[in-house]
C-alpha atoms as a PDB file:
ATOM      1  CA  UNK A   1     178.618 149.653 105.078  1.00  0.00           C
ATOM      2  CA  UNK A   2     181.592 148.990 107.535  1.00  0.00           C
ATOM      3  CA  UNK A   3     179.221 146.393 109.400  1.00  0.00           C
ATOM      4  CA  UNK A   4     177.949 144.775 106.288  1.00  0.00           C
ATOM      5  CA  UNK A   5     181.333 143.931 105.003  1.00  0.00           C
ATOM      6  CA  UNK A   6     181.966 142.600 108.084  1.00  0.00           C
ATOM      7  CA  UNK A   7     179.257 140.175 108.651  1.00  0.00           C
ATOM      8  CA  UNK A   8     179.976 139.377 104.661  1.00  0.00           C
ATOM      9  CA  UNK A   9     183.715 138.357 105.827  1.00  0.00           C
ATOM     10  CA  UNK A  10     183.115 137.020 109.702  1.00  0.00           C
ATOM     11  CA  UNK A  11     180.500 134.486 107.863  1.00  0.00           C
ATOM     12  CA  UNK A  12     182.676 133.645 105.578  1.00  0.00           C
ATOM     13  CA  UNK A  13     185.648 133.065 107.663  1.00  0.00           C
ATOM     14  CA  UNK A  14     183.658 129.590 109.652  1.00  0.00           C
ATOM     15  CA  UNK A  15     184.320 128.257 106.046  1.00  0.00           C
ATOM     16  CA  UNK A  16     186.966 128.879 105.040  1.00  0.00           C
ATOM     17  CA  UNK A  17     188.816 127.958 108.648  1.00  0.00           C
ATOM     18  CA  UNK A  18     186.679 124.753 108.077  1.00  0.00           C
ATOM     19  CA  UNK A  19     187.859 123.707 104.561  1.00  0.00           C
ATOM     20  CA  UNK A  20     191.457 124.698 105.799  1.00  0.00           C
ATOM     21  CA  UNK A  21     190.924 122.376 108.488  1.00  0.00           C
ATOM     22  CA  UNK A  22     190.109 119.237 106.470  1.00  0.00           C
ATOM     23  CA  UNK A  23     192.753 119.638 104.118  1.00  0.00           C
ATOM     24  CA  UNK A  24     195.148 119.849 106.882  1.00  0.00           C
ATOM     25  CA  UNK A  25     194.185 116.798 107.801  1.00  0.00           C
ATOM     26  CA  UNK A  26     194.353 115.455 104.973  1.00  0.00           C
ATOM     27  CA  UNK A  27     198.197 116.315 105.115  1.00  0.00           C
ATOM     28  CA  UNK A  28     199.080 115.091 108.461  1.00  0.00           C
ATOM     29  CA  UNK A  29     196.827 112.052 108.185  1.00  0.00           C
ATOM     30  CA  UNK A  30     199.741 111.058 104.913  1.00  0.00           C
ATOM     31  CA  UNK A  31     202.771 112.399 106.793  1.00  0.00           C
ATOM     32  CA  UNK A  32     201.350 110.778 110.053  1.00  0.00           C
ATOM     33  CA  UNK A  33     201.711 107.274 107.477  1.00  0.00           C
ATOM     34  CA  UNK A  34     204.932 108.498 106.273  1.00  0.00           C
ATOM     35  CA  UNK A  35     207.102 108.833 109.526  1.00  0.00           C
ATOM     36  CA  UNK A  36     205.039 105.795 111.093  1.00  0.00           C
ATOM     37  CA  UNK A  37     205.088 103.202 108.370  1.00  0.00           C
ATOM     38  CA  UNK A  38     208.825 101.356 107.770  1.00  0.00           C
ATOM     39  CA  UNK A  39     210.874 103.004 105.094  1.00  0.00           C
ATOM     40  CA  UNK A  40     210.072 100.255 101.969  1.00  0.00           C
ATOM     41  CA  UNK A  41     206.029 100.795 103.071  1.00  0.00           C
ATOM     42  CA  UNK A  42     206.108 103.197  99.609  1.00  0.00           C
ATOM     43  CA  UNK A  43     207.352  99.630  97.496  1.00  0.00           C
ATOM     44  CA  UNK A  44     204.259  98.295  98.962  1.00  0.00           C
ATOM     45  CA  UNK A  45     201.763 100.498  98.079  1.00  0.00           C
ATOM     46  CA  UNK A  46     198.788  98.565  98.755  1.00  0.00           C
ATOM     47  CA  UNK A  47     199.477  98.924 102.291  1.00  0.00           C
ATOM     48  CA  UNK A  48     198.198 102.470 101.675  1.00  0.00           C
ATOM     49  CA  UNK A  49     195.543 101.947  99.365  1.00  0.00           C
ATOM     50  CA  UNK A  50     194.412  99.734 101.704  1.00  0.00           C
ATOM     51  CA  UNK A  51     194.210 101.615 104.782  1.00  0.00           C
ATOM     52  CA  UNK A  52     192.456 104.566 102.720  1.00  0.00           C
ATOM     53  CA  UNK A  53     189.776 102.158 101.093  1.00  0.00           C
ATOM     54  CA  UNK A  54     188.974 101.207 104.732  1.00  0.00           C
ATOM     55  CA  UNK A  55     188.943 104.032 106.537  1.00  0.00           C
ATOM     56  CA  UNK A  56     186.646 105.689 103.891  1.00  0.00           C
ATOM     57  CA  UNK A  57     184.283 102.389 104.485  1.00  0.00           C
ATOM     58  CA  UNK A  58     184.626 102.821 107.656  1.00  0.00           C
ATOM     59  CA  UNK A  59     183.835 106.561 107.897  1.00  0.00           C
ATOM     60  CA  UNK A  60     180.544 105.834 105.462  1.00  0.00           C
ATOM     61  CA  UNK A  61     179.484 103.139 108.297  1.00  0.00           C
ATOM     62  CA  UNK A  62     179.209 105.513 110.655  1.00  0.00           C
ATOM     63  CA  UNK A  63     177.299 107.434 108.975  1.00  0.00           C
ATOM     64  CA  UNK A  64     174.846 105.428 107.212  1.00  0.00           C
ATOM     65  CA  UNK A  65     174.948 103.456 111.201  1.00  0.00           C
ATOM     66  CA  UNK A  66     174.001 105.884 113.160  1.00  0.00           C
ATOM     67  CA  UNK A  67     170.406 107.060 114.187  1.00  0.00           C
ATOM     68  CA  UNK A  68     170.145 110.846 112.669  1.00  0.00           C
ATOM     69  CA  UNK A  69     171.760 109.216 108.998  1.00  0.00           C
ATOM     70  CA  UNK A  70     168.187 110.603 108.073  1.00  0.00           C
ATOM     71  CA  UNK A  71     169.535 114.805 108.363  1.00  0.00           C
ATOM     72  CA  UNK A  72     171.677 113.382 104.624  1.00  0.00           C
ATOM     73  CA  UNK A  73     168.268 112.837 103.161  1.00  0.00           C
ATOM     74  CA  UNK A  74     167.595 115.281 100.287  1.00  0.00           C
ATOM     75  CA  UNK A  75     164.542 116.853 102.094  1.00  0.00           C
ATOM     76  CA  UNK A  76     166.529 117.672 105.453  1.00  0.00           C
ATOM     77  CA  UNK A  77     169.678 119.367 104.122  1.00  0.00           C
ATOM     78  CA  UNK A  78     167.328 121.283 101.961  1.00  0.00           C
ATOM     79  CA  UNK A  79     164.912 121.921 104.327  1.00  0.00           C
ATOM     80  CA  UNK A  80     165.080 125.698 106.433  1.00  0.00           C
ATOM     81  CA  UNK A  81     164.281 124.049 109.768  1.00  0.00           C
ATOM     82  CA  UNK A  82     166.403 121.024 109.312  1.00  0.00           C
ATOM     83  CA  UNK A  83     170.501 119.801 111.182  1.00  0.00           C
ATOM     84  CA  UNK A  84     171.397 122.472 108.754  1.00  0.00           C
ATOM     85  CA  UNK A  85     169.720 124.990 110.142  1.00  0.00           C
ATOM     86  CA  UNK A  86     172.554 126.049 112.776  1.00  0.00           C
ATOM     87  CA  UNK A  87     175.924 128.350 111.660  1.00  0.00           C
ATOM     88  CA  UNK A  88     178.534 126.040 110.917  1.00  0.00           C
ATOM     89  CA  UNK A  89     180.328 125.702 113.969  1.00  0.00           C
ATOM     90  CA  UNK A  90     177.518 124.642 115.643  1.00  0.00           C
ATOM     91  CA  UNK A  91     176.958 121.625 114.119  1.00  0.00           C
ATOM     92  CA  UNK A  92     180.567 120.795 113.282  1.00  0.00           C
ATOM     93  CA  UNK A  93     180.810 121.308 117.397  1.00  0.00           C
ATOM     94  CA  UNK A  94     178.090 118.896 116.863  1.00  0.00           C
ATOM     95  CA  UNK A  95     178.393 116.066 114.831  1.00  0.00           C
ATOM     96  CA  UNK A  96     182.697 116.575 113.320  1.00  0.00           C
ATOM     97  CA  UNK A  97     183.483 113.701 114.825  1.00  0.00           C
ATOM     98  CA  UNK A  98     181.410 110.306 114.743  1.00  0.00           C
ATOM     99  CA  UNK A  99     179.323 109.860 118.083  1.00  0.00           C
ATOM    100  CA  UNK A 100     179.698 107.139 120.382  1.00  0.00           C
ATOM    101  CA  UNK A 101     175.910 106.141 119.153  1.00  0.00           C
ATOM    102  CA  UNK A 102     177.438 105.056 115.645  1.00  0.00           C
ATOM    103  CA  UNK A 103     179.911 102.713 117.289  1.00  0.00           C
ATOM    104  CA  UNK A 104     177.043 101.001 118.498  1.00  0.00           C
ATOM    105  CA  UNK A 105     175.316 100.773 115.790  1.00  0.00           C
ATOM    106  CA  UNK A 106     177.716  98.872 114.359  1.00  0.00           C
ATOM    107  CA  UNK A 107     177.281  95.371 115.314  1.00  0.00           C
ATOM    108  CA  UNK A 108     173.616  96.063 113.779  1.00  0.00           C
ATOM    109  CA  UNK A 109     174.796  96.997 110.920  1.00  0.00           C
ATOM    110  CA  UNK A 110     177.364  94.042 110.440  1.00  0.00           C
ATOM    111  CA  UNK A 111     173.909  91.676 111.039  1.00  0.00           C
ATOM    112  CA  UNK A 112     172.616  93.540 107.542  1.00  0.00           C
ATOM    113  CA  UNK A 113     170.467  97.089 109.248  1.00  0.00           C
ATOM    114  CA  UNK A 114     170.449  98.186 105.881  1.00  0.00           C
ATOM    115  CA  UNK A 115     171.874  97.310 102.716  1.00  0.00           C
ATOM    116  CA  UNK A 116     174.493  99.722 102.769  1.00  0.00           C
ATOM    117  CA  UNK A 117     175.687 100.383 106.098  1.00  0.00           C
ATOM    118  CA  UNK A 118     175.988  96.773 106.451  1.00  0.00           C
ATOM    119  CA  UNK A 119     177.939  96.517 102.762  1.00  0.00           C
ATOM    120  CA  UNK A 120     180.315  99.613 104.021  1.00  0.00           C
ATOM    121  CA  UNK A 121     180.496  97.521 107.761  1.00  0.00           C
ATOM    122  CA  UNK A 122     181.380  94.261 106.518  1.00  0.00           C
ATOM    123  CA  UNK A 123     184.214  96.417 103.418  1.00  0.00           C
ATOM    124  CA  UNK A 124     186.028  98.025 106.326  1.00  0.00           C
ATOM    125  CA  UNK A 125     185.922  95.126 108.315  1.00  0.00           C
ATOM    126  CA  UNK A 126     187.557  92.872 105.676  1.00  0.00           C
ATOM    127  CA  UNK A 127     189.509  95.784 104.565  1.00  0.00           C
ATOM    128  CA  UNK A 128     191.245  95.825 108.157  1.00  0.00           C
ATOM    129  CA  UNK A 129     191.905  92.154 108.334  1.00  0.00           C
ATOM    130  CA  UNK A 130     193.386  92.466 104.497  1.00  0.00           C
ATOM    131  CA  UNK A 131     195.542  95.172 106.224  1.00  0.00           C
ATOM    132  CA  UNK A 132     196.687  93.737 109.438  1.00  0.00           C
ATOM    133  CA  UNK A 133     197.467  90.640 107.249  1.00  0.00           C
ATOM    134  CA  UNK A 134     199.129  92.822 104.765  1.00  0.00           C
ATOM    135  CA  UNK A 135     201.322  94.221 107.591  1.00  0.00           C
ATOM    136  CA  UNK A 136     202.407  91.207 109.164  1.00  0.00           C
ATOM    137  CA  UNK A 137     203.263  88.970 106.059  1.00  0.00           C
ATOM    138  CA  UNK A 138     205.317  91.384 104.395  1.00  0.00           C
ATOM    139  CA  UNK A 139     207.013  92.823 107.598  1.00  0.00           C
ATOM    140  CA  UNK A 140     209.433  91.114 110.253  1.00  0.00           C
ATOM    141  CA  UNK A 141     210.265  92.152 113.623  1.00  0.00           C
ATOM    142  CA  UNK A 142     209.743  96.097 115.268  1.00  0.00           C
ATOM    143  CA  UNK A 143     208.707  97.035 111.340  1.00  0.00           C
ATOM    144  CA  UNK A 144     206.244  94.743 111.362  1.00  0.00           C
ATOM    145  CA  UNK A 145     204.546  96.707 114.402  1.00  0.00           C
ATOM    146  CA  UNK A 146     204.883 100.099 112.268  1.00  0.00           C
ATOM    147  CA  UNK A 147     203.464  98.842 109.652  1.00  0.00           C
ATOM    148  CA  UNK A 148     200.526  97.749 111.470  1.00  0.00           C
ATOM    149  CA  UNK A 149     200.834 100.937 114.135  1.00  0.00           C
ATOM    150  CA  UNK A 150     200.592 103.027 110.321  1.00  0.00           C
ATOM    151  CA  UNK A 151     197.876 101.271 108.843  1.00  0.00           C
ATOM    152  CA  UNK A 152     195.568 101.530 111.715  1.00  0.00           C
ATOM    153  CA  UNK A 153     196.584 105.403 112.140  1.00  0.00           C
ATOM    154  CA  UNK A 154     195.846 105.918 108.611  1.00  0.00           C
ATOM    155  CA  UNK A 155     193.036 104.022 108.587  1.00  0.00           C
ATOM    156  CA  UNK A 156     191.341 105.957 111.791  1.00  0.00           C
ATOM    157  CA  UNK A 157     192.476 108.983 110.398  1.00  0.00           C
ATOM    158  CA  UNK A 158     190.362 108.668 106.781  1.00  0.00           C
ATOM    159  CA  UNK A 159     187.686 107.583 108.265  1.00  0.00           C
ATOM    160  CA  UNK A 160     187.272 110.490 110.914  1.00  0.00           C
ATOM    161  CA  UNK A 161     188.208 113.009 107.876  1.00  0.00           C
ATOM    162  CA  UNK A 162     185.405 111.228 105.455  1.00  0.00           C
ATOM    163  CA  UNK A 163     183.046 111.878 108.819  1.00  0.00           C
ATOM    164  CA  UNK A 164     183.926 115.439 108.815  1.00  0.00           C
ATOM    165  CA  UNK A 165     183.816 116.384 105.345  1.00  0.00           C
ATOM    166  CA  UNK A 166     180.660 114.267 104.987  1.00  0.00           C
ATOM    167  CA  UNK A 167     178.858 116.713 107.157  1.00  0.00           C
ATOM    168  CA  UNK A 168     181.129 119.683 105.995  1.00  0.00           C
ATOM    169  CA  UNK A 169     179.271 118.963 102.445  1.00  0.00           C
ATOM    170  CA  UNK A 170     176.101 118.923 103.941  1.00  0.00           C
ATOM    171  CA  UNK A 171     176.037 122.231 105.523  1.00  0.00           C
ATOM    172  CA  UNK A 172     177.783 123.631 101.916  1.00  0.00           C
ATOM    173  CA  UNK A 173     174.257 121.986 100.267  1.00  0.00           C
ATOM    174  CA  UNK A 174     171.700 123.161 102.356  1.00  0.00           C
ATOM    175  CA  UNK A 175     173.350 126.631 102.213  1.00  0.00           C
ATOM    176  CA  UNK A 176     173.833 126.097  99.140  1.00  0.00           C
ATOM    177  CA  UNK A 177     170.342 125.128  98.445  1.00  0.00           C
ATOM    178  CA  UNK A 178     168.380 125.981  94.571  1.00  0.00           C
ATOM    179  CA  UNK A 179     171.278 126.845  94.025  1.00  0.00           C
ATOM    180  CA  UNK A 180     172.556 123.630  93.565  1.00  0.00           C
ATOM    181  CA  UNK A 181     170.801 122.093  91.173  1.00  0.00           C
ATOM    182  CA  UNK A 182     171.879 125.190  89.188  1.00  0.00           C
ATOM    183  CA  UNK A 183     175.285 124.451  89.411  1.00  0.00           C
ATOM    184  CA  UNK A 184     175.373 121.035  89.186  1.00  0.00           C
ATOM    185  CA  UNK A 185     173.293 121.614  85.721  1.00  0.00           C
ATOM    186  CA  UNK A 186     175.977 124.109  84.662  1.00  0.00           C
ATOM    187  CA  UNK A 187     178.362 121.929  85.480  1.00  0.00           C
ATOM    188  CA  UNK A 188     176.802 119.101  83.551  1.00  0.00           C
ATOM    189  CA  UNK A 189     176.537 121.963  79.972  1.00  0.00           C
ATOM    190  CA  UNK A 190     180.264 122.047  80.633  1.00  0.00           C
ATOM    191  CA  UNK A 191     180.988 119.176  80.693  1.00  0.00           C
ATOM    192  CA  UNK A 192     178.612 117.556  77.682  1.00  0.00           C
ATOM    193  CA  UNK A 193     180.085 120.705  75.815  1.00  0.00           C
ATOM    194  CA  UNK A 194     183.751 119.986  76.369  1.00  0.00           C
ATOM    195  CA  UNK A 195     183.354 115.915  75.527  1.00  0.00           C
ATOM    196  CA  UNK A 196     181.836 116.587  72.480  1.00  0.00           C
ATOM    197  CA  UNK A 197     184.683 119.722  71.711  1.00  0.00           C
ATOM    198  CA  UNK A 198     187.271 116.734  72.321  1.00  0.00           C
ATOM    199  CA  UNK A 199     185.693 114.884  69.801  1.00  0.00           C
END
């Protein structure tokens, strides 16, 4: 009995720690931006929004351009012998951070190798150019450098957070398996009846 309870608690520890790490990374990213950015940066929310949007596009582009992007197909996620069958610590050790192959594939994505990857890669590039121009245009002197560094730092933080969270959610979906569809159906039913009750 004690052994069974210990196994359950041990199995819950890794997912809870992984979720806590994702939440901590998000808080650290925004705190670092607030510290590094000029004091009046909050009066220009465009800089923060551009960093978040650019980082999200960059993170998704890295996932979709990577050679192992097929692991996110539903058939692979729900496959018992797929890459998601490994334990969470092993999965995150191998996939939490983007691999060099994903960065190397970005030029091909920019040239149109896959519509979704190309769209997100170009969106990230345009967001980076727009954010950099905004930082350089609205501030002067040393505050200009602070604004640019804050934008770049938040962009990279968000990209890493998106990459990490996507693999974490994929692992959770693989563990839920068929229950995932039941939970989605339950959520849809609650939303549908909630909307009807509101009217």
